[in-house]
C-alpha atoms as a PDB file:
ATOM      1  CA  MET A   1     -48.048-235.390  48.558  1.00  0.00           C
ATOM      2  CA  LYS A   2     -47.454-234.665  52.228  1.00  0.00           C
ATOM      3  CA  TRP A   3     -48.356-230.987  51.745  1.00  0.00           C
ATOM      4  CA  ILE A   4     -51.662-231.930  50.135  1.00  0.00           C
ATOM      5  CA  ALA A   5     -52.548-234.002  53.195  1.00  0.00           C
ATOM      6  CA  LEU A   6     -51.692-231.062  55.456  1.00  0.00           C
ATOM      7  CA  LEU A   7     -53.878-228.732  53.402  1.00  0.00           C
ATOM      8  CA  VAL A   8     -56.787-231.170  53.585  1.00  0.00           C
ATOM      9  CA  GLN A   9     -56.341-231.431  57.359  1.00  0.00           C
ATOM     10  CA  MET A  10     -56.493-227.636  57.639  1.00  0.00           C
ATOM     11  CA  LEU A  11     -59.845-227.337  55.840  1.00  0.00           C
ATOM     12  CA  LEU A  12     -61.989-227.840  58.939  1.00  0.00           C
ATOM     13  CA  PRO A  13     -59.970-225.502  61.205  1.00  0.00           C
ATOM     14  CA  VAL A  14     -60.053-222.796  58.535  1.00  0.00           C
ATOM     15  CA  GLY A  15     -63.824-223.206  58.278  1.00  0.00           C
ATOM     16  CA  VAL A  16     -64.164-222.855  62.052  1.00  0.00           C
ATOM     17  CA  PHE A  17     -61.859-219.807  61.918  1.00  0.00           C
ATOM     18  CA  ILE A  18     -64.053-218.132  59.295  1.00  0.00           C
ATOM     19  CA  TYR A  19     -67.225-218.930  61.243  1.00  0.00           C
ATOM     20  CA  THR A  20     -65.695-217.554  64.459  1.00  0.00           C
ATOM     21  CA  ILE A  21     -64.519-214.360  62.765  1.00  0.00           C
ATOM     22  CA  ASN A  22     -68.029-213.857  61.374  1.00  0.00           C
ATOM     23  CA  PHE A  23     -69.436-214.333  64.873  1.00  0.00           C
ATOM     24  CA  GLY A  24     -67.016-211.668  66.116  1.00  0.00           C
ATOM     25  CA  ARG A  25     -68.195-209.348  63.349  1.00  0.00           C
ATOM     26  CA  TRP A  26     -71.792-209.977  64.413  1.00  0.00           C
ATOM     27  CA  MET A  27     -70.912-209.186  68.031  1.00  0.00           C
ATOM     28  CA  ARG A  28     -69.197-205.969  66.941  1.00  0.00           C
ATOM     29  CA  SER A  29     -72.279-204.923  64.959  1.00  0.00           C
ATOM     30  CA  ARG A  30     -74.296-205.353  68.186  1.00  0.00           C
ATOM     31  CA  ASN A  31     -71.794-203.066  69.998  1.00  0.00           C
ATOM     32  CA  ILE A  32     -70.347-205.898  72.096  1.00  0.00           C
ATOM     33  CA  LYS A  33     -66.804-204.797  71.349  1.00  0.00           C
ATOM     34  CA  ALA A  34     -64.998-206.601  74.175  1.00  0.00           C
ATOM     35  CA  GLY A  35     -66.639-209.878  73.209  1.00  0.00           C
ATOM     36  CA  ALA A  36     -65.756-209.311  69.574  1.00  0.00           C
ATOM     37  CA  TYR A  37     -62.075-208.741  70.391  1.00  0.00           C
ATOM     38  CA  VAL A  38     -61.941-211.847  72.563  1.00  0.00           C
ATOM     39  CA  THR A  39     -63.622-213.843  69.812  1.00  0.00           C
ATOM     40  CA  TYR A  40     -61.047-212.624  67.283  1.00  0.00           C
ATOM     41  CA  ALA A  41     -58.225-213.555  69.659  1.00  0.00           C
ATOM     42  CA  ILE A  42     -59.633-217.039  70.239  1.00  0.00           C
ATOM     43  CA  ALA A  43     -60.011-217.592  66.493  1.00  0.00           C
ATOM     44  CA  VAL A  44     -56.440-216.521  65.743  1.00  0.00           C
ATOM     45  CA  MET A  45     -54.967-218.550  68.611  1.00  0.00           C
ATOM     46  CA  ALA A  46     -56.936-221.678  67.670  1.00  0.00           C
ATOM     47  CA  LEU A  47     -55.927-221.494  64.014  1.00  0.00           C
ATOM     48  CA  GLY A  48     -52.310-220.712  64.879  1.00  0.00           C
ATOM     49  CA  LEU A  49     -52.112-223.571  67.373  1.00  0.00           C
ATOM     50  CA  THR A  50     -53.635-226.005  64.886  1.00  0.00           C
ATOM     51  CA  PHE A  51     -51.232-224.890  62.173  1.00  0.00           C
ATOM     52  CA  TRP A  52     -48.246-225.150  64.535  1.00  0.00           C
ATOM     53  CA  VAL A  53     -49.196-228.640  65.766  1.00  0.00           C
ATOM     54  CA  LEU A  54     -49.711-229.956  62.252  1.00  0.00           C
ATOM     55  CA  LEU A  55     -46.402-228.587  61.020  1.00  0.00           C
ATOM     56  CA  HIS A  56     -44.494-229.572  64.160  1.00  0.00           C
ATOM     57  CA  ASN A  57     -45.692-233.185  64.047  1.00  0.00           C
ATOM     58  CA  ASN A  58     -45.574-233.748  60.290  1.00  0.00           C
ATOM     59  CA  VAL A  59     -42.592-231.866  58.933  1.00  0.00           C
END
């Protein structure tokens, strides 16, 4: 049951991750490559940090 709660808590961060990755793809299509790479990095770091905090505090 605890894992189900963790999955539910990750729904919003995963949605933000997907939205941010799509924004990075849009920036890359406009030839703003540096901004796209930074956007990808921010998305990965934010999702990784969220995942780490949830697992560190709940497991």
